[in-house]
N, C-alpha and C. Protein backbone atom coordinates (compact mmCIF):
# COMPACT_ATOMS: atom_id res chain seq x y z
N MET A 1 57.33 -2.40 -117.45
CA MET A 1 56.78 -3.79 -117.86
C MET A 1 55.25 -3.65 -118.08
N ALA A 2 54.88 -3.95 -119.25
CA ALA A 2 53.45 -3.80 -119.68
C ALA A 2 52.86 -5.32 -119.39
N LEU A 3 51.66 -5.20 -118.85
CA LEU A 3 51.04 -6.48 -118.65
C LEU A 3 50.25 -6.70 -120.00
N ASN A 4 50.03 -7.95 -120.41
CA ASN A 4 49.19 -8.16 -121.49
C ASN A 4 47.71 -8.44 -120.85
N LYS A 5 46.90 -8.48 -121.87
CA LYS A 5 45.50 -8.52 -121.57
C LYS A 5 45.09 -9.77 -120.68
N LYS A 6 45.71 -10.91 -120.80
CA LYS A 6 45.48 -11.96 -119.99
C LYS A 6 45.86 -11.78 -118.61
N GLN A 7 47.03 -11.03 -118.25
CA GLN A 7 47.71 -11.07 -117.12
C GLN A 7 46.77 -10.09 -116.39
N ARG A 8 46.27 -8.74 -117.08
CA ARG A 8 45.54 -8.11 -116.34
C ARG A 8 44.14 -8.65 -115.96
N ARG A 9 43.48 -9.57 -116.88
CA ARG A 9 42.29 -10.14 -116.38
C ARG A 9 42.41 -11.01 -115.09
N GLU A 10 43.68 -11.77 -115.22
CA GLU A 10 43.89 -12.54 -113.95
C GLU A 10 44.05 -11.80 -112.76
N ARG A 11 44.60 -10.79 -112.93
CA ARG A 11 45.00 -9.74 -111.79
C ARG A 11 43.50 -9.28 -111.19
N TRP A 12 42.79 -8.77 -112.11
CA TRP A 12 41.31 -8.38 -111.85
C TRP A 12 40.40 -9.48 -111.09
N LEU A 13 40.59 -10.62 -111.73
CA LEU A 13 39.85 -11.76 -111.18
C LEU A 13 40.50 -12.21 -109.74
N ALA A 14 41.72 -12.24 -109.66
CA ALA A 14 42.25 -12.35 -108.31
C ALA A 14 41.93 -11.40 -107.18
N LEU A 15 41.96 -9.90 -107.72
CA LEU A 15 41.44 -9.07 -106.79
C LEU A 15 40.03 -9.10 -106.36
N GLY A 16 38.96 -9.47 -107.31
CA GLY A 16 37.68 -9.73 -107.20
C GLY A 16 37.32 -11.10 -106.35
N LEU A 17 38.27 -12.16 -106.33
CA LEU A 17 38.23 -13.18 -105.65
C LEU A 17 38.73 -12.89 -104.08
N ALA A 18 39.61 -11.94 -104.03
CA ALA A 18 39.97 -11.61 -102.56
C ALA A 18 38.96 -10.69 -101.96
N PHE A 19 38.31 -9.85 -102.89
CA PHE A 19 37.46 -8.93 -102.06
C PHE A 19 36.10 -9.98 -101.70
N LEU A 20 35.83 -10.77 -102.53
CA LEU A 20 34.63 -11.69 -102.29
C LEU A 20 34.91 -12.53 -101.10
N THR A 21 36.16 -13.20 -100.94
CA THR A 21 36.58 -13.92 -99.72
C THR A 21 36.40 -12.89 -98.62
N ILE A 22 36.94 -11.60 -98.48
CA ILE A 22 36.89 -10.84 -97.43
C ILE A 22 35.47 -10.46 -97.18
N SER A 23 34.55 -10.09 -98.13
CA SER A 23 33.35 -9.83 -97.84
C SER A 23 32.46 -11.05 -97.12
N CYS A 24 32.81 -12.22 -97.64
CA CYS A 24 31.98 -13.21 -97.02
C CYS A 24 32.47 -13.59 -95.59
N MET A 25 33.97 -13.40 -95.14
CA MET A 25 34.39 -13.49 -94.02
C MET A 25 33.69 -12.37 -93.11
N VAL A 26 33.72 -11.23 -93.48
CA VAL A 26 32.94 -10.09 -92.63
C VAL A 26 31.68 -10.43 -92.41
N PHE A 27 30.84 -11.13 -93.41
CA PHE A 27 29.39 -11.34 -93.23
C PHE A 27 29.37 -12.40 -92.33
N PHE A 28 29.95 -13.55 -92.19
CA PHE A 28 30.01 -14.66 -91.44
C PHE A 28 30.39 -14.26 -89.94
N VAL A 29 31.37 -13.43 -89.95
CA VAL A 29 31.90 -13.06 -88.40
C VAL A 29 30.76 -12.23 -87.85
N SER A 30 30.17 -11.31 -88.62
CA SER A 30 28.93 -10.61 -88.10
C SER A 30 27.88 -11.46 -87.67
N VAL A 31 27.40 -12.46 -88.58
CA VAL A 31 26.43 -13.28 -88.16
C VAL A 31 26.93 -14.19 -86.89
N LEU A 32 28.08 -14.40 -86.93
CA LEU A 32 28.53 -15.23 -85.56
C LEU A 32 28.45 -14.33 -84.45
N LEU A 33 28.87 -13.05 -84.48
CA LEU A 33 28.69 -12.22 -83.24
C LEU A 33 27.43 -11.96 -83.06
N GLY A 34 26.50 -11.92 -83.81
CA GLY A 34 24.85 -11.81 -83.76
C GLY A 34 24.40 -12.92 -82.84
N THR A 35 24.82 -14.20 -83.42
CA THR A 35 24.40 -15.25 -82.85
C THR A 35 24.86 -15.45 -81.18
N TYR A 36 26.12 -15.01 -81.11
CA TYR A 36 26.74 -15.11 -79.86
C TYR A 36 25.96 -14.10 -78.84
N ARG A 37 25.77 -12.86 -79.18
CA ARG A 37 24.94 -11.97 -78.58
C ARG A 37 23.56 -12.78 -78.14
N GLU A 38 22.79 -13.25 -78.92
CA GLU A 38 21.69 -13.74 -78.64
C GLU A 38 21.75 -14.98 -77.73
N TYR A 39 22.75 -15.79 -77.81
CA TYR A 39 23.30 -16.81 -76.90
C TYR A 39 23.31 -16.41 -75.49
N GLU A 40 24.08 -15.24 -75.30
CA GLU A 40 24.30 -14.66 -74.07
C GLU A 40 22.94 -14.01 -73.24
N HIS A 41 22.32 -13.46 -74.21
CA HIS A 41 20.79 -13.22 -73.81
C HIS A 41 19.97 -14.25 -73.26
N PHE A 42 19.82 -15.43 -74.08
CA PHE A 42 19.21 -16.38 -73.72
C PHE A 42 19.78 -16.97 -72.24
N GLN A 43 21.29 -16.92 -72.16
CA GLN A 43 21.76 -17.44 -70.90
C GLN A 43 21.34 -16.64 -69.57
N GLU A 44 21.31 -15.27 -69.91
CA GLU A 44 20.93 -14.32 -68.85
C GLU A 44 19.60 -14.37 -68.40
N ARG A 45 18.75 -14.77 -69.38
CA ARG A 45 17.21 -14.99 -69.29
C ARG A 45 17.04 -16.32 -68.47
N GLU A 46 17.69 -17.55 -68.96
CA GLU A 46 17.61 -18.73 -67.97
C GLU A 46 17.90 -18.54 -66.88
N ARG A 47 19.15 -17.78 -66.41
CA ARG A 47 19.39 -17.40 -64.93
C ARG A 47 18.47 -16.64 -64.33
N ARG A 48 17.84 -15.61 -64.88
CA ARG A 48 16.77 -14.92 -64.31
C ARG A 48 15.70 -15.83 -64.02
N ILE A 49 15.14 -16.70 -64.98
CA ILE A 49 14.07 -17.59 -64.63
C ILE A 49 14.31 -18.74 -63.67
N VAL A 50 15.58 -19.16 -63.77
CA VAL A 50 15.94 -20.36 -62.90
C VAL A 50 15.87 -19.57 -61.41
N GLY A 51 16.18 -18.28 -61.12
CA GLY A 51 16.31 -17.75 -59.77
C GLY A 51 14.77 -17.38 -59.27
N ASP A 52 14.06 -17.17 -60.29
CA ASP A 52 12.57 -16.84 -60.13
C ASP A 52 11.98 -18.41 -59.77
N LEU A 53 12.16 -19.45 -60.35
CA LEU A 53 11.80 -20.40 -59.96
C LEU A 53 12.14 -21.05 -58.60
N GLU A 54 13.32 -20.99 -58.22
CA GLU A 54 14.02 -21.30 -57.06
C GLU A 54 13.28 -20.37 -55.86
N GLN A 55 13.08 -19.23 -56.14
CA GLN A 55 12.25 -18.41 -55.28
C GLN A 55 10.81 -18.93 -55.00
N ALA A 56 10.21 -19.21 -55.98
CA ALA A 56 8.78 -19.65 -56.11
C ALA A 56 8.77 -21.10 -55.17
N ARG A 57 9.79 -21.88 -55.64
CA ARG A 57 10.01 -23.19 -54.79
C ARG A 57 10.17 -23.10 -53.27
N ASN A 58 10.89 -22.02 -53.02
CA ASN A 58 11.11 -21.58 -51.52
C ASN A 58 9.84 -21.19 -50.74
N GLU A 59 9.04 -20.20 -51.74
CA GLU A 59 7.80 -19.60 -51.18
C GLU A 59 6.72 -20.83 -50.82
N PHE A 60 6.78 -21.80 -51.93
CA PHE A 60 5.93 -22.89 -51.81
C PHE A 60 5.90 -23.95 -50.62
N ALA A 61 7.34 -24.07 -50.38
CA ALA A 61 7.84 -24.99 -49.14
C ALA A 61 7.53 -24.15 -47.99
N ARG A 62 7.51 -22.88 -47.89
CA ARG A 62 7.29 -21.94 -46.59
C ARG A 62 5.83 -22.06 -46.54
N ARG A 63 4.90 -22.02 -47.56
CA ARG A 63 3.51 -21.96 -47.46
C ARG A 63 2.90 -23.33 -47.01
N GLU A 64 3.81 -24.38 -47.39
CA GLU A 64 3.23 -25.65 -47.25
C GLU A 64 3.46 -26.26 -45.49
N ALA A 65 4.68 -25.73 -45.20
CA ALA A 65 5.04 -25.93 -43.89
C ALA A 65 3.98 -25.31 -42.83
N TYR A 66 3.73 -24.02 -43.36
CA TYR A 66 2.73 -23.35 -42.57
C TYR A 66 1.42 -24.09 -42.45
N PHE A 67 0.82 -24.55 -43.77
CA PHE A 67 -0.31 -25.11 -43.93
C PHE A 67 -0.37 -26.52 -43.03
N TYR A 68 0.72 -27.20 -43.02
CA TYR A 68 1.00 -28.49 -42.41
C TYR A 68 0.79 -28.19 -40.85
N ARG A 69 1.46 -27.12 -40.27
CA ARG A 69 1.50 -26.64 -38.97
C ARG A 69 -0.08 -26.19 -38.59
N LEU A 70 -0.83 -25.58 -39.55
CA LEU A 70 -2.28 -25.36 -39.16
C LEU A 70 -3.07 -26.54 -39.08
N LEU A 71 -2.67 -27.71 -39.77
CA LEU A 71 -3.45 -28.79 -39.83
C LEU A 71 -3.08 -29.75 -38.83
N ASN A 72 -1.69 -29.76 -38.24
CA ASN A 72 -1.29 -30.73 -37.28
C ASN A 72 -0.91 -30.22 -36.08
N ASP A 73 -0.92 -28.78 -35.75
CA ASP A 73 -0.47 -28.31 -34.31
C ASP A 73 -1.69 -27.38 -33.95
N PRO A 74 -2.32 -28.01 -33.08
CA PRO A 74 -3.55 -27.23 -32.33
C PRO A 74 -3.02 -26.01 -31.71
N GLU A 75 -2.25 -25.86 -31.03
CA GLU A 75 -1.61 -24.49 -30.49
C GLU A 75 -1.36 -23.56 -31.59
N PHE A 76 -0.59 -24.05 -32.64
CA PHE A 76 -0.34 -22.99 -33.61
C PHE A 76 -1.66 -22.53 -34.25
N LEU A 77 -2.64 -23.46 -34.50
CA LEU A 77 -3.88 -23.00 -34.99
C LEU A 77 -4.64 -22.06 -34.21
N GLU A 78 -4.63 -22.20 -32.97
CA GLU A 78 -5.29 -21.25 -31.97
C GLU A 78 -4.58 -20.05 -32.03
N ARG A 79 -3.23 -20.16 -31.98
CA ARG A 79 -2.51 -18.52 -32.10
C ARG A 79 -3.02 -18.02 -33.21
N VAL A 80 -2.90 -18.60 -34.33
CA VAL A 80 -3.04 -17.90 -35.70
C VAL A 80 -4.48 -17.31 -35.79
N ALA A 81 -5.57 -18.07 -35.19
CA ALA A 81 -6.94 -17.81 -35.12
C ALA A 81 -7.06 -16.49 -34.14
N ARG A 82 -6.24 -16.50 -32.91
CA ARG A 82 -6.44 -15.41 -32.23
C ARG A 82 -5.92 -14.16 -32.93
N GLU A 83 -4.62 -14.23 -33.39
CA GLU A 83 -3.83 -13.00 -33.84
C GLU A 83 -4.61 -12.52 -35.09
N ARG A 84 -4.78 -13.49 -36.11
CA ARG A 84 -5.42 -12.82 -37.36
C ARG A 84 -6.66 -12.77 -37.32
N LEU A 85 -7.60 -13.69 -36.68
CA LEU A 85 -8.91 -13.27 -36.97
C LEU A 85 -9.73 -12.76 -35.69
N GLY A 86 -8.89 -12.51 -34.68
CA GLY A 86 -9.34 -12.05 -33.42
C GLY A 86 -10.45 -12.84 -32.79
N TYR A 87 -10.26 -14.07 -32.78
CA TYR A 87 -11.08 -15.18 -31.99
C TYR A 87 -10.48 -15.08 -30.49
N ALA A 88 -11.47 -15.24 -29.61
CA ALA A 88 -11.27 -15.63 -28.45
C ALA A 88 -12.15 -16.77 -27.68
N ARG A 89 -11.92 -17.30 -26.77
CA ARG A 89 -12.53 -18.29 -25.97
C ARG A 89 -13.76 -17.66 -25.39
N PRO A 90 -14.94 -18.44 -25.05
CA PRO A 90 -16.17 -17.81 -24.58
C PRO A 90 -16.13 -16.95 -23.40
N ASP A 91 -15.21 -17.50 -22.36
CA ASP A 91 -14.86 -16.84 -21.13
C ASP A 91 -13.86 -15.76 -21.04
N GLU A 92 -13.30 -15.68 -22.28
CA GLU A 92 -12.14 -14.28 -22.37
C GLU A 92 -12.71 -13.07 -22.60
N LEU A 93 -12.12 -11.97 -22.25
CA LEU A 93 -12.39 -10.49 -22.72
C LEU A 93 -11.36 -10.03 -23.64
N VAL A 94 -11.60 -9.57 -24.63
CA VAL A 94 -10.76 -9.16 -25.73
C VAL A 94 -10.76 -7.51 -25.67
N PHE A 95 -9.45 -7.12 -25.55
CA PHE A 95 -9.28 -5.77 -25.70
C PHE A 95 -8.46 -5.38 -26.92
N ARG A 96 -9.10 -4.50 -27.65
CA ARG A 96 -8.45 -3.85 -28.97
C ARG A 96 -8.08 -2.23 -28.74
N PHE A 97 -6.82 -1.83 -29.07
CA PHE A 97 -6.22 -0.71 -28.80
C PHE A 97 -5.95 -0.14 -30.37
N ALA A 98 -6.32 1.21 -30.41
CA ALA A 98 -6.18 1.84 -31.59
C ALA A 98 -4.57 2.15 -31.76
N GLU A 99 -3.89 2.14 -32.43
CA GLU A 99 -2.32 2.37 -32.64
C GLU A 99 -2.03 3.86 -33.07
């Protein structure tokens, strides 16, 4: 069964259209996959940044509580001054040992 010129042209056109459709689908799927990978990357980055933020907030709260105790608790202030700064009262004798 021989095909005439018009039928051959229609088959080539259909084949070209099918190839173009498949090529477009492959292109858009690859773009979609790249976008999804980028989305996952940004989600991971957001989780890491949120964790860092939570850690910074905890550190800030800890330091704020320490500062509050320094200002409002005289016994704590005295203990910190003795331990960290090596202060003593005028009638006390301080011994320092080498470790």
